[in-house]
Amino acid sequence: MAQYELDLRDYWRIFRKRKMIIFLTFVLITTFTFLISLFQKPTLIYEAISSVKVERSSSLVGLLTEVVSWSTWDNIATQAVVITSYPVIEKVTKRLGLIPEDLSSEKIIENPKMVKLISEVQKKVTASQRENTNIIDISARSEDPEKARDIANMVAESYKEQNTYSRNKQVKDARKFIENQLTGRRVKLG
């Protein structure tokens, strides 16, 4: 039985004889690989994280308000939901210049395009509690790194403003309630 072994000279002879086929195959595979990678290139998504510390009130009025409105649910989880809520994201879209700042919330709700725009920004933002702490991480995703950074920072600022406004409103309501109770008791006593 005959054995056929190829040595280096045989390979060289085959290469010289078929060099055009080998060269065209190399060029075609390289070209198709480049084109496929060019058309199927994934879009880069950047993520920016901004952190907010949620604290309990340390003033007497704040403590009184928290005692009056004490509840069993998790305050940090509630604040994480508030961060991604519609009012906070509405402020963010106004600050980003996507919506005119002089428009009221009622006019924005009437316009479906603006509501959709707010919803798109809202989908880019997530808030989660950092492990066993009172810190909430706000992450924003975007195809533009500066936009992701701006959204994350503006959400944090808007949340701080919203939280301050909400706490001040609670304090004012508690004060008004106490004053009404005092005047009512004075009338009964007096």
Protein backbone atom coordinates (compact mmCIF):
# COMPACT_ATOMS: atom_id res chain seq x y z
CA MET A 1 0.00 0.00 0.00
CA ALA A 2 1.38 3.32 -1.05
CA GLN A 3 1.78 6.10 1.49
CA TYR A 4 1.42 9.70 0.49
CA GLU A 5 3.18 12.22 2.63
CA LEU A 6 3.47 15.87 1.81
CA ASP A 7 6.64 17.69 2.56
CA LEU A 8 7.46 21.41 2.49
CA ARG A 9 8.21 21.46 -1.26
CA ASP A 10 4.81 20.01 -2.02
CA TYR A 11 3.08 22.67 0.05
CA TRP A 12 5.08 25.40 -1.67
CA ARG A 13 4.17 24.04 -5.10
CA ILE A 14 0.44 23.97 -4.16
CA PHE A 15 0.67 27.51 -2.81
CA ARG A 16 2.31 28.84 -6.02
CA LYS A 17 -0.22 27.05 -8.18
CA ARG A 18 -3.27 28.30 -6.18
CA LYS A 19 -1.97 31.69 -4.98
CA MET A 20 -4.84 33.70 -6.55
CA ILE A 21 -7.49 31.55 -4.88
CA ILE A 22 -5.72 31.81 -1.51
CA PHE A 23 -5.25 35.56 -1.88
CA LEU A 24 -8.90 36.17 -2.94
CA THR A 25 -10.16 34.01 -0.09
CA PHE A 26 -8.08 35.99 2.40
CA VAL A 27 -9.28 39.34 1.00
CA LEU A 28 -12.95 38.28 0.91
CA ILE A 29 -12.94 36.90 4.46
CA THR A 30 -11.19 40.01 5.77
CA THR A 31 -13.60 42.33 3.94
CA PHE A 32 -16.72 40.47 5.09
CA THR A 33 -15.45 40.33 8.67
CA PHE A 34 -14.82 44.08 8.66
CA LEU A 35 -18.24 44.86 7.14
CA ILE A 36 -20.11 42.59 9.55
CA SER A 37 -18.32 44.08 12.55
CA LEU A 38 -19.03 47.58 11.23
CA PHE A 39 -22.76 47.00 10.78
CA GLN A 40 -23.30 44.95 13.94
CA LYS A 41 -21.32 47.26 16.19
CA PRO A 42 -23.05 47.56 19.57
CA THR A 43 -23.90 51.03 20.82
CA LEU A 44 -21.99 52.05 23.87
CA ILE A 45 -24.08 52.83 26.93
CA TYR A 46 -22.50 54.86 29.70
CA GLU A 47 -23.63 54.82 33.30
CA ALA A 48 -23.09 57.56 35.85
CA ILE A 49 -23.84 57.18 39.55
CA SER A 50 -24.64 59.91 42.03
CA SER A 51 -25.26 59.17 45.70
CA VAL A 52 -27.63 60.79 48.17
CA LYS A 53 -27.62 60.30 51.92
CA VAL A 54 -31.06 60.09 53.50
CA GLU A 55 -31.10 61.21 57.11
CA ARG A 56 -33.72 61.40 59.78
CA SER A 57 -34.55 64.85 61.08
CA SER A 58 -32.49 66.12 63.97
CA SER A 59 -34.49 69.26 64.76
CA LEU A 60 -37.26 69.24 67.35
CA VAL A 61 -39.96 70.04 64.79
CA GLY A 62 -38.62 67.38 62.40
CA LEU A 63 -38.56 64.78 65.13
CA LEU A 64 -42.08 65.73 66.17
CA THR A 65 -43.24 65.39 62.57
CA GLU A 66 -41.62 61.98 62.26
CA VAL A 67 -43.15 60.83 65.54
CA VAL A 68 -46.60 61.95 64.38
CA SER A 69 -46.18 60.35 60.96
CA TRP A 70 -44.26 57.25 62.07
CA SER A 71 -44.82 54.13 60.03
CA THR A 72 -43.48 50.59 59.75
CA TRP A 73 -42.37 50.68 56.12
CA ASP A 74 -38.81 51.22 54.98
CA ASN A 75 -38.09 54.94 54.62
CA ILE A 76 -35.01 54.41 52.42
CA ALA A 77 -36.92 52.26 49.91
CA THR A 78 -39.67 54.88 49.84
CA GLN A 79 -37.14 57.62 49.14
CA ALA A 80 -35.62 55.51 46.34
CA VAL A 81 -39.03 55.40 44.68
CA VAL A 82 -39.50 59.15 45.21
CA ILE A 83 -36.19 59.78 43.44
CA THR A 84 -37.50 58.23 40.21
CA SER A 85 -40.97 59.72 40.57
CA TYR A 86 -42.63 61.90 37.95
CA PRO A 87 -42.24 65.27 39.75
CA VAL A 88 -38.51 64.82 40.26
CA ILE A 89 -37.90 63.69 36.68
CA GLU A 90 -40.06 66.57 35.40
CA LYS A 91 -37.71 69.01 37.14
CA VAL A 92 -34.73 67.19 35.62
CA THR A 93 -36.08 67.45 32.07
CA LYS A 94 -36.72 71.16 32.61
CA ARG A 95 -33.16 71.67 33.87
CA LEU A 96 -31.74 69.73 30.93
CA GLY A 97 -33.58 72.08 28.60
CA LEU A 98 -35.69 69.32 27.07
CA ILE A 99 -38.86 71.04 28.27
CA PRO A 100 -39.31 74.81 28.72
CA GLU A 101 -38.96 75.74 32.39
CA ASP A 102 -41.91 78.16 32.35
CA LEU A 103 -44.47 75.45 31.54
CA SER A 104 -46.69 74.29 34.36
CA SER A 105 -47.16 70.62 35.21
CA GLU A 106 -50.75 70.72 33.92
CA LYS A 107 -49.64 71.91 30.46
CA ILE A 108 -46.91 69.31 30.35
CA ILE A 109 -49.37 66.52 31.17
CA GLU A 110 -51.66 67.71 28.37
CA ASN A 111 -48.88 67.37 25.79
CA PRO A 112 -48.20 63.67 24.96
CA LYS A 113 -44.79 64.42 23.42
CA MET A 114 -43.54 66.01 26.63
CA VAL A 115 -44.94 63.19 28.76
CA LYS A 116 -43.18 60.70 26.49
CA LEU A 117 -39.94 62.68 26.84
CA ILE A 118 -40.22 62.63 30.63
CA SER A 119 -40.98 58.91 30.50
CA GLU A 120 -37.86 58.27 28.38
CA VAL A 121 -35.67 60.12 30.88
CA GLN A 122 -37.40 58.23 33.71
CA LYS A 123 -36.49 54.90 32.09
CA LYS A 124 -32.82 55.89 32.09
CA VAL A 125 -32.77 56.50 35.85
CA THR A 126 -32.71 53.90 38.63
CA ALA A 127 -32.29 54.33 42.36
CA SER A 128 -31.21 51.66 44.81
CA GLN A 129 -30.13 51.51 48.42
CA ARG A 130 -26.47 50.79 49.04
CA GLU A 131 -26.08 47.68 51.20
CA ASN A 132 -27.29 48.24 54.78
CA THR A 133 -26.73 52.00 54.69
CA ASN A 134 -28.85 55.09 54.41
CA ILE A 135 -27.25 56.01 51.09
CA ILE A 136 -29.17 55.78 47.83
CA ASP A 137 -27.26 55.39 44.57
CA ILE A 138 -28.86 57.13 41.61
CA SER A 139 -27.68 55.70 38.30
CA ALA A 140 -28.38 57.17 34.90
CA ARG A 141 -27.66 55.49 31.58
CA SER A 142 -27.17 57.19 28.26
CA GLU A 143 -25.28 56.81 25.00
CA ASP A 144 -23.52 60.11 25.79
CA PRO A 145 -21.26 60.06 28.89
CA GLU A 146 -21.79 63.76 29.67
CA LYS A 147 -25.55 63.37 29.42
CA ALA A 148 -25.50 60.39 31.78
CA ARG A 149 -23.45 62.43 34.26
CA ASP A 150 -25.75 65.44 33.96
CA ILE A 151 -28.90 63.36 34.42
CA ALA A 152 -27.53 61.60 37.52
CA ASN A 153 -26.41 64.84 39.14
CA MET A 154 -29.60 66.72 38.27
CA VAL A 155 -31.77 63.92 39.63
CA ALA A 156 -29.85 64.12 42.91
CA GLU A 157 -30.25 67.92 43.06
CA SER A 158 -33.93 67.79 42.13
CA TYR A 159 -34.56 65.11 44.74
CA LYS A 160 -32.87 67.21 47.42
CA GLU A 161 -35.07 70.17 46.51
CA GLN A 162 -38.21 68.02 46.41
CA ASN A 163 -37.32 66.41 49.75
CA THR A 164 -36.65 69.80 51.37
CA TYR A 165 -39.94 71.15 50.02
CA SER A 166 -41.82 68.07 51.25
CA ARG A 167 -40.27 68.24 54.73
CA ASN A 168 -40.96 71.96 55.01
CA LYS A 169 -44.56 71.35 54.00
CA GLN A 170 -44.90 68.64 56.67
CA VAL A 171 -43.44 70.96 59.30
CA LYS A 172 -45.79 73.78 58.29
CA ASP A 173 -48.78 71.44 58.36
CA ALA A 174 -47.76 70.09 61.78
CA ARG A 175 -47.28 73.62 63.10
CA LYS A 176 -50.66 74.70 61.74
CA PHE A 177 -52.29 71.64 63.29
CA ILE A 178 -50.69 72.33 66.69
CA GLU A 179 -51.65 76.01 66.54
CA ASN A 180 -55.26 75.10 65.70
CA GLN A 181 -55.31 72.64 68.58
CA LEU A 182 -53.91 75.27 70.95
CA THR A 183 -56.45 77.91 69.90
CA GLY A 184 -59.24 75.37 70.24
CA ARG A 185 -58.10 74.44 73.75
CA ARG A 186 -57.75 78.11 74.71
CA VAL A 187 -61.31 78.77 73.60
CA LYS A 188 -62.56 75.81 75.63
CA LEU A 189 -60.59 76.88 78.68
CA GLY A 190 -61.24 80.43 78.42
